[in-house]
C-alpha atoms as a PDB file:
ATOM      1  CA  MET A   1     -43.863 -23.145 -84.783  1.00  0.00           C
ATOM      2  CA  GLU A   2     -40.421 -24.061 -83.394  1.00  0.00           C
ATOM      3  CA  SER A   3     -39.012 -20.699 -84.656  1.00  0.00           C
ATOM      4  CA  GLU A   4     -41.832 -18.778 -82.970  1.00  0.00           C
ATOM      5  CA  ARG A   5     -41.318 -20.538 -79.669  1.00  0.00           C
ATOM      6  CA  ASN A   6     -37.555 -19.836 -79.817  1.00  0.00           C
ATOM      7  CA  SER A   7     -38.362 -16.212 -80.528  1.00  0.00           C
ATOM      8  CA  VAL A   8     -40.661 -15.971 -77.470  1.00  0.00           C
ATOM      9  CA  GLU A   9     -38.047 -17.607 -75.245  1.00  0.00           C
ATOM     10  CA  SER A  10     -35.332 -15.288 -76.496  1.00  0.00           C
ATOM     11  CA  GLY A  11     -37.613 -12.263 -75.801  1.00  0.00           C
ATOM     12  CA  ASN A  12     -38.290 -13.503 -72.252  1.00  0.00           C
ATOM     13  CA  THR A  13     -34.609 -14.017 -71.653  1.00  0.00           C
ATOM     14  CA  ARG A  14     -33.815 -10.454 -72.711  1.00  0.00           C
ATOM     15  CA  LEU A  15     -36.616  -9.051 -70.501  1.00  0.00           C
ATOM     16  CA  LEU A  16     -35.308 -10.985 -67.517  1.00  0.00           C
ATOM     17  CA  GLU A  17     -31.820  -9.755 -68.148  1.00  0.00           C
ATOM     18  CA  ARG A  18     -32.986  -6.143 -68.443  1.00  0.00           C
ATOM     19  CA  MET A  19     -34.890  -6.389 -65.170  1.00  0.00           C
ATOM     20  CA  LEU A  20     -31.806  -7.723 -63.369  1.00  0.00           C
ATOM     21  CA  TYR A  21     -29.381  -5.279 -64.971  1.00  0.00           C
ATOM     22  CA  PHE A  22     -31.700  -2.446 -64.100  1.00  0.00           C
ATOM     23  CA  SER A  23     -31.864  -3.646 -60.462  1.00  0.00           C
ATOM     24  CA  ASP A  24     -28.084  -3.719 -60.236  1.00  0.00           C
ATOM     25  CA  ALA A  25     -27.924  -0.282 -61.649  1.00  0.00           C
ATOM     26  CA  VAL A  26     -30.270   1.122 -58.994  1.00  0.00           C
ATOM     27  CA  PHE A  27     -28.247  -0.459 -56.233  1.00  0.00           C
ATOM     28  CA  ALA A  28     -25.067   1.008 -57.645  1.00  0.00           C
ATOM     29  CA  ILE A  29     -26.606   4.480 -57.864  1.00  0.00           C
ATOM     30  CA  VAL A  30     -27.963   4.266 -54.286  1.00  0.00           C
ATOM     31  CA  LEU A  31     -24.492   3.400 -52.991  1.00  0.00           C
ATOM     32  CA  THR A  32     -23.011   6.283 -54.915  1.00  0.00           C
ATOM     33  CA  LEU A  33     -25.540   8.766 -53.556  1.00  0.00           C
ATOM     34  CA  LEU A  34     -24.657   7.674 -50.024  1.00  0.00           C
ATOM     35  CA  VAL A  35     -21.030   8.779 -50.373  1.00  0.00           C
ATOM     36  CA  LEU A  36     -22.016  12.070 -52.016  1.00  0.00           C
ATOM     37  CA  ASP A  37     -23.501  13.236 -48.665  1.00  0.00           C
ATOM     38  CA  LEU A  38     -20.102  13.047 -47.024  1.00  0.00           C
ATOM     39  CA  ARG A  39     -18.875  16.629 -47.011  1.00  0.00           C
ATOM     40  CA  LEU A  40     -16.488  18.345 -44.658  1.00  0.00           C
ATOM     41  CA  PRO A  41     -17.926  21.071 -42.408  1.00  0.00           C
ATOM     42  CA  ALA A  42     -17.661  24.642 -43.732  1.00  0.00           C
ATOM     43  CA  GLY A  43     -14.459  26.458 -42.935  1.00  0.00           C
ATOM     44  CA  VAL A  44     -12.195  23.409 -42.534  1.00  0.00           C
ATOM     45  CA  THR A  45      -8.567  24.099 -43.425  1.00  0.00           C
ATOM     46  CA  ASP A  46      -5.662  21.788 -43.843  1.00  0.00           C
ATOM     47  CA  ALA A  47      -4.653  22.475 -40.210  1.00  0.00           C
ATOM     48  CA  SER A  48      -8.070  21.558 -38.921  1.00  0.00           C
ATOM     49  CA  LEU A  49      -8.687  18.664 -41.326  1.00  0.00           C
ATOM     50  CA  VAL A  50      -8.487  15.889 -38.796  1.00  0.00           C
ATOM     51  CA  ARG A  51     -10.849  17.734 -36.405  1.00  0.00           C
ATOM     52  CA  GLY A  52     -13.214  18.270 -39.360  1.00  0.00           C
ATOM     53  CA  VAL A  53     -13.264  14.552 -40.197  1.00  0.00           C
ATOM     54  CA  ILE A  54     -13.857  13.724 -36.516  1.00  0.00           C
ATOM     55  CA  GLU A  55     -16.867  16.132 -36.536  1.00  0.00           C
ATOM     56  CA  MET A  56     -18.207  14.096 -39.466  1.00  0.00           C
ATOM     57  CA  ALA A  57     -18.368  11.005 -37.266  1.00  0.00           C
ATOM     58  CA  PRO A  58     -22.244  10.766 -37.150  1.00  0.00           C
ATOM     59  CA  LYS A  59     -22.411  11.008 -40.927  1.00  0.00           C
ATOM     60  CA  LEU A  60     -19.577   8.468 -41.360  1.00  0.00           C
ATOM     61  CA  VAL A  61     -21.335   5.993 -39.014  1.00  0.00           C
ATOM     62  CA  ALA A  62     -24.657   6.436 -40.816  1.00  0.00           C
ATOM     63  CA  PHE A  63     -22.900   5.948 -44.178  1.00  0.00           C
ATOM     64  CA  ALA A  64     -21.189   2.740 -42.961  1.00  0.00           C
ATOM     65  CA  ILE A  65     -24.378   1.273 -41.502  1.00  0.00           C
ATOM     66  CA  THR A  66     -26.405   1.998 -44.604  1.00  0.00           C
ATOM     67  CA  PHE A  67     -23.741   0.800 -47.004  1.00  0.00           C
ATOM     68  CA  ALA A  68     -23.510  -2.521 -45.164  1.00  0.00           C
ATOM     69  CA  LEU A  69     -27.316  -2.966 -45.080  1.00  0.00           C
ATOM     70  CA  VAL A  70     -27.766  -2.050 -48.717  1.00  0.00           C
ATOM     71  CA  ALA A  71     -25.029  -4.534 -49.570  1.00  0.00           C
ATOM     72  CA  VAL A  72     -26.911  -7.228 -47.582  1.00  0.00           C
ATOM     73  CA  PHE A  73     -30.103  -6.416 -49.488  1.00  0.00           C
ATOM     74  CA  TRP A  74     -28.275  -6.598 -52.811  1.00  0.00           C
ATOM     75  CA  ILE A  75     -26.750  -9.998 -51.944  1.00  0.00           C
ATOM     76  CA  ALA A  76     -30.188 -11.192 -50.882  1.00  0.00           C
ATOM     77  CA  HIS A  77     -31.675  -9.887 -54.104  1.00  0.00           C
ATOM     78  CA  VAL A  78     -29.065 -11.807 -56.118  1.00  0.00           C
ATOM     79  CA  SER A  79     -29.852 -14.931 -54.102  1.00  0.00           C
ATOM     80  CA  ILE A  80     -33.550 -14.558 -54.642  1.00  0.00           C
ATOM     81  CA  THR A  81     -33.458 -13.878 -58.392  1.00  0.00           C
ATOM     82  CA  ARG A  82     -30.503 -15.930 -59.547  1.00  0.00           C
ATOM     83  CA  ARG A  83     -32.636 -19.023 -60.162  1.00  0.00           C
ATOM     84  CA  LEU A  84     -35.336 -17.281 -62.161  1.00  0.00           C
ATOM     85  CA  ASN A  85     -35.637 -19.100 -65.491  1.00  0.00           C
ATOM     86  CA  ALA A  86     -38.356 -16.892 -67.045  1.00  0.00           C
ATOM     87  CA  PHE A  87     -39.473 -13.292 -67.072  1.00  0.00           C
ATOM     88  CA  ASP A  88     -42.727 -12.597 -65.222  1.00  0.00           C
ATOM     89  CA  TRP A  89     -44.569  -9.323 -65.217  1.00  0.00           C
ATOM     90  CA  PRO A  90     -45.954  -9.577 -61.619  1.00  0.00           C
ATOM     91  CA  VAL A  91     -42.390 -10.211 -60.420  1.00  0.00           C
ATOM     92  CA  ALA A  92     -41.209  -7.222 -62.472  1.00  0.00           C
ATOM     93  CA  TRP A  93     -43.720  -4.893 -60.785  1.00  0.00           C
ATOM     94  CA  VAL A  94     -42.963  -6.119 -57.263  1.00  0.00           C
ATOM     95  CA  ASN A  95     -39.286  -5.765 -58.027  1.00  0.00           C
ATOM     96  CA  MET A  96     -39.892  -2.134 -58.992  1.00  0.00           C
ATOM     97  CA  LEU A  97     -41.695  -1.608 -55.630  1.00  0.00           C
ATOM     98  CA  PHE A  98     -38.671  -3.137 -53.895  1.00  0.00           C
ATOM     99  CA  LEU A  99     -36.278  -0.810 -55.759  1.00  0.00           C
ATOM    100  CA  PHE A 100     -38.449   2.157 -54.867  1.00  0.00           C
ATOM    101  CA  THR A 101     -37.965   1.445 -51.167  1.00  0.00           C
ATOM    102  CA  VAL A 102     -34.190   0.916 -51.686  1.00  0.00           C
ATOM    103  CA  THR A 103     -33.923   4.457 -53.138  1.00  0.00           C
ATOM    104  CA  LEU A 104     -35.156   5.843 -49.791  1.00  0.00           C
ATOM    105  CA  ALA A 105     -31.875   4.733 -48.128  1.00  0.00           C
ATOM    106  CA  PRO A 106     -29.823   7.855 -49.016  1.00  0.00           C
ATOM    107  CA  PHE A 107     -32.526  10.180 -47.670  1.00  0.00           C
ATOM    108  CA  VAL A 108     -33.008   8.466 -44.321  1.00  0.00           C
ATOM    109  CA  THR A 109     -29.196   8.138 -43.981  1.00  0.00           C
ATOM    110  CA  THR A 110     -28.846  11.884 -44.406  1.00  0.00           C
ATOM    111  CA  LEU A 111     -31.427  12.371 -41.648  1.00  0.00           C
ATOM    112  CA  LEU A 112     -29.577   9.925 -39.377  1.00  0.00           C
ATOM    113  CA  GLY A 113     -26.247  11.733 -39.926  1.00  0.00           C
ATOM    114  CA  ALA A 114     -27.790  15.106 -39.281  1.00  0.00           C
ATOM    115  CA  TYR A 115     -30.038  14.412 -36.312  1.00  0.00           C
ATOM    116  CA  GLY A 116     -28.489  11.436 -34.530  1.00  0.00           C
ATOM    117  CA  VAL A 117     -29.463   7.861 -33.741  1.00  0.00           C
ATOM    118  CA  PHE A 118     -31.575   8.292 -30.636  1.00  0.00           C
ATOM    119  CA  GLY A 119     -34.619  10.231 -31.848  1.00  0.00           C
ATOM    120  CA  ASN A 120     -37.083  10.514 -34.673  1.00  0.00           C
ATOM    121  CA  ALA A 121     -34.356  10.159 -37.340  1.00  0.00           C
ATOM    122  CA  TRP A 122     -33.626   6.661 -36.111  1.00  0.00           C
ATOM    123  CA  ARG A 123     -37.315   5.869 -36.022  1.00  0.00           C
ATOM    124  CA  LEU A 124     -37.688   6.972 -39.679  1.00  0.00           C
ATOM    125  CA  TYR A 125     -34.583   4.981 -40.553  1.00  0.00           C
ATOM    126  CA  CYS A 126     -36.076   1.830 -38.987  1.00  0.00           C
ATOM    127  CA  LEU A 127     -39.345   2.457 -40.839  1.00  0.00           C
ATOM    128  CA  ALA A 128     -37.426   2.705 -44.113  1.00  0.00           C
ATOM    129  CA  LEU A 129     -35.566  -0.543 -43.456  1.00  0.00           C
ATOM    130  CA  ILE A 130     -38.813  -2.223 -42.561  1.00  0.00           C
ATOM    131  CA  ALA A 131     -40.198  -1.065 -45.865  1.00  0.00           C
ATOM    132  CA  ILE A 132     -37.220  -2.343 -47.856  1.00  0.00           C
ATOM    133  CA  GLY A 133     -37.265  -5.669 -45.983  1.00  0.00           C
ATOM    134  CA  SER A 134     -41.078  -6.053 -46.463  1.00  0.00           C
ATOM    135  CA  ALA A 135     -40.829  -5.315 -50.187  1.00  0.00           C
ATOM    136  CA  GLN A 136     -38.069  -7.854 -50.554  1.00  0.00           C
ATOM    137  CA  PHE A 137     -40.117 -10.389 -48.693  1.00  0.00           C
ATOM    138  CA  ALA A 138     -43.042  -9.677 -51.117  1.00  0.00           C
ATOM    139  CA  LEU A 139     -40.621 -10.178 -54.013  1.00  0.00           C
ATOM    140  CA  PHE A 140     -39.532 -13.525 -52.575  1.00  0.00           C
ATOM    141  CA  LEU A 141     -43.158 -14.656 -52.259  1.00  0.00           C
ATOM    142  CA  MET A 142     -43.927 -13.538 -55.843  1.00  0.00           C
ATOM    143  CA  ILE A 143     -40.870 -15.342 -57.295  1.00  0.00           C
ATOM    144  CA  TYR A 144     -41.431 -18.588 -55.307  1.00  0.00           C
ATOM    145  CA  ARG A 145     -45.175 -18.764 -55.789  1.00  0.00           C
ATOM    146  CA  GLY A 146     -46.782 -21.795 -57.475  1.00  0.00           C
ATOM    147  CA  ASN A 147     -44.394 -24.276 -55.831  1.00  0.00           C
ATOM    148  CA  GLY A 148     -41.457 -22.415 -57.359  1.00  0.00           C
ATOM    149  CA  ARG A 149     -42.483 -22.792 -60.983  1.00  0.00           C
ATOM    150  CA  LEU A 150     -40.427 -19.778 -62.043  1.00  0.00           C
ATOM    151  CA  ILE A 151     -37.227 -21.262 -60.580  1.00  0.00           C
ATOM    152  CA  GLY A 152     -37.669 -24.931 -61.543  1.00  0.00           C
ATOM    153  CA  GLY A 153     -39.211 -26.057 -58.265  1.00  0.00           C
ATOM    154  CA  MET A 154     -37.828 -26.362 -54.734  1.00  0.00           C
ATOM    155  CA  GLY A 155     -38.141 -28.490 -51.599  1.00  0.00           C
ATOM    156  CA  ARG A 156     -40.258 -27.555 -48.592  1.00  0.00           C
ATOM    157  CA  ARG A 157     -37.267 -27.277 -46.247  1.00  0.00           C
ATOM    158  CA  GLU A 158     -35.341 -25.003 -48.627  1.00  0.00           C
ATOM    159  CA  PHE A 159     -38.419 -22.806 -49.040  1.00  0.00           C
ATOM    160  CA  TRP A 160     -38.815 -22.249 -45.251  1.00  0.00           C
ATOM    161  CA  HIS A 161     -35.077 -21.659 -44.874  1.00  0.00           C
ATOM    162  CA  ARG A 162     -35.199 -18.959 -47.531  1.00  0.00           C
ATOM    163  CA  LEU A 163     -38.464 -17.531 -46.203  1.00  0.00           C
ATOM    164  CA  VAL A 164     -37.193 -17.038 -42.714  1.00  0.00           C
ATOM    165  CA  ARG A 165     -33.906 -15.651 -43.955  1.00  0.00           C
ATOM    166  CA  VAL A 166     -35.453 -13.038 -46.261  1.00  0.00           C
ATOM    167  CA  ALA A 167     -37.963 -11.995 -43.570  1.00  0.00           C
ATOM    168  CA  SER A 168     -35.251 -11.385 -40.948  1.00  0.00           C
ATOM    169  CA  PRO A 169     -34.277  -7.742 -41.865  1.00  0.00           C
ATOM    170  CA  ALA A 170     -37.821  -6.397 -41.705  1.00  0.00           C
ATOM    171  CA  ALA A 171     -38.552  -8.329 -38.473  1.00  0.00           C
ATOM    172  CA  SER A 172     -35.275  -7.159 -36.918  1.00  0.00           C
ATOM    173  CA  PHE A 173     -35.898  -3.487 -37.554  1.00  0.00           C
ATOM    174  CA  ALA A 174     -39.490  -3.875 -36.389  1.00  0.00           C
ATOM    175  CA  VAL A 175     -38.085  -5.089 -33.073  1.00  0.00           C
ATOM    176  CA  LEU A 176     -35.501  -2.249 -33.000  1.00  0.00           C
ATOM    177  CA  LEU A 177     -38.258   0.344 -33.728  1.00  0.00           C
ATOM    178  CA  ALA A 178     -40.478  -1.109 -30.927  1.00  0.00           C
ATOM    179  CA  LEU A 179     -37.552  -0.957 -28.474  1.00  0.00           C
ATOM    180  CA  ASN A 180     -36.928   2.704 -29.430  1.00  0.00           C
ATOM    181  CA  LEU A 181     -40.583   3.574 -28.957  1.00  0.00           C
ATOM    182  CA  MET A 182     -40.569   1.941 -25.475  1.00  0.00           C
ATOM    183  CA  GLY A 183     -37.742   4.163 -24.422  1.00  0.00           C
ATOM    184  CA  PHE A 184     -34.774   1.859 -24.947  1.00  0.00           C
ATOM    185  CA  THR A 185     -33.156   4.237 -27.419  1.00  0.00           C
ATOM    186  CA  ARG A 186     -29.472   3.273 -26.922  1.00  0.00           C
ATOM    187  CA  MET A 187     -30.249  -0.431 -26.793  1.00  0.00           C
ATOM    188  CA  SER A 188     -32.206  -0.126 -30.058  1.00  0.00           C
ATOM    189  CA  PHE A 189     -29.226   1.394 -31.886  1.00  0.00           C
ATOM    190  CA  ILE A 190     -26.590  -0.931 -30.366  1.00  0.00           C
ATOM    191  CA  LEU A 191     -28.560  -4.057 -31.119  1.00  0.00           C
ATOM    192  CA  SER A 192     -28.795  -2.959 -34.790  1.00  0.00           C
ATOM    193  CA  PHE A 193     -25.213  -4.159 -35.210  1.00  0.00           C
ATOM    194  CA  LEU A 194     -26.065  -7.611 -33.798  1.00  0.00           C
ATOM    195  CA  ILE A 195     -29.651  -8.630 -34.467  1.00  0.00           C
ATOM    196  CA  VAL A 196     -29.683  -9.203 -38.252  1.00  0.00           C
ATOM    197  CA  PRO A 197     -26.391 -11.244 -38.354  1.00  0.00           C
ATOM    198  CA  THR A 198     -27.473 -13.183 -35.339  1.00  0.00           C
ATOM    199  CA  ILE A 199     -30.805 -14.189 -36.922  1.00  0.00           C
ATOM    200  CA  LEU A 200     -29.084 -15.149 -40.229  1.00  0.00           C
ATOM    201  CA  VAL A 201     -26.567 -17.413 -38.337  1.00  0.00           C
ATOM    202  CA  LEU A 202     -29.409 -19.026 -36.322  1.00  0.00           C
ATOM    203  CA  VAL A 203     -31.375 -19.701 -39.560  1.00  0.00           C
ATOM    204  CA  ARG A 204     -28.303 -21.262 -41.178  1.00  0.00           C
ATOM    205  CA  PHE A 205     -27.728 -23.580 -38.250  1.00  0.00           C
ATOM    206  CA  SER A 206     -31.453 -24.409 -37.868  1.00  0.00           C
ATOM    207  CA  PHE A 207     -32.056 -25.325 -41.530  1.00  0.00           C
ATOM    208  CA  GLY A 208     -28.579 -26.327 -42.639  1.00  0.00           C
ATOM    209  CA  ARG A 209     -26.541 -24.855 -45.473  1.00  0.00           C
ATOM    210  CA  ARG A 210     -28.423 -23.967 -48.729  1.00  0.00           C
ATOM    211  CA  THR A 211     -27.002 -22.617 -51.979  1.00  0.00           C
END
């Protein structure tokens, strides 16, 4: 009986490790795909290299923004999953949904670099970020369901701290999309550099430091 229980626990541990390793691999591939889209314009020579790089500015900006955001989502994913003490199939399926949305990042980044940040490309980019943020929020709720039984329990204050923090990216890009649709196109893009970190800082000061 004891041997059978140990075998089941060992199997669950391996499944959990496979899920987390697979998630890290997807993030690594997504970041690699981002840089593969950075190509110099046709006809650039050594003499015109600097001008060619300057012409790539929209793509470089799109790359930098997305790299930073994907990094934020990876760190959040690590924070959300690091206390998991057992494999759970519902969590695995929601995690796959989350990873599916993350893989959209290179595509919408290419659109942003090609068509600019003040039109439909930015709107599609915001929608993709809302999808990623919403999927991660769903993953959080799935992991922390049942009073946190999959993570060994947690206090109410810590739960709300983490809930607000994980919801902030999707909420932020929903606000940015709304501003864009109302005609505040430049404000929508400029605020994208400020709104997410501002919310995260406010959450930290409101709820206190949590590990």
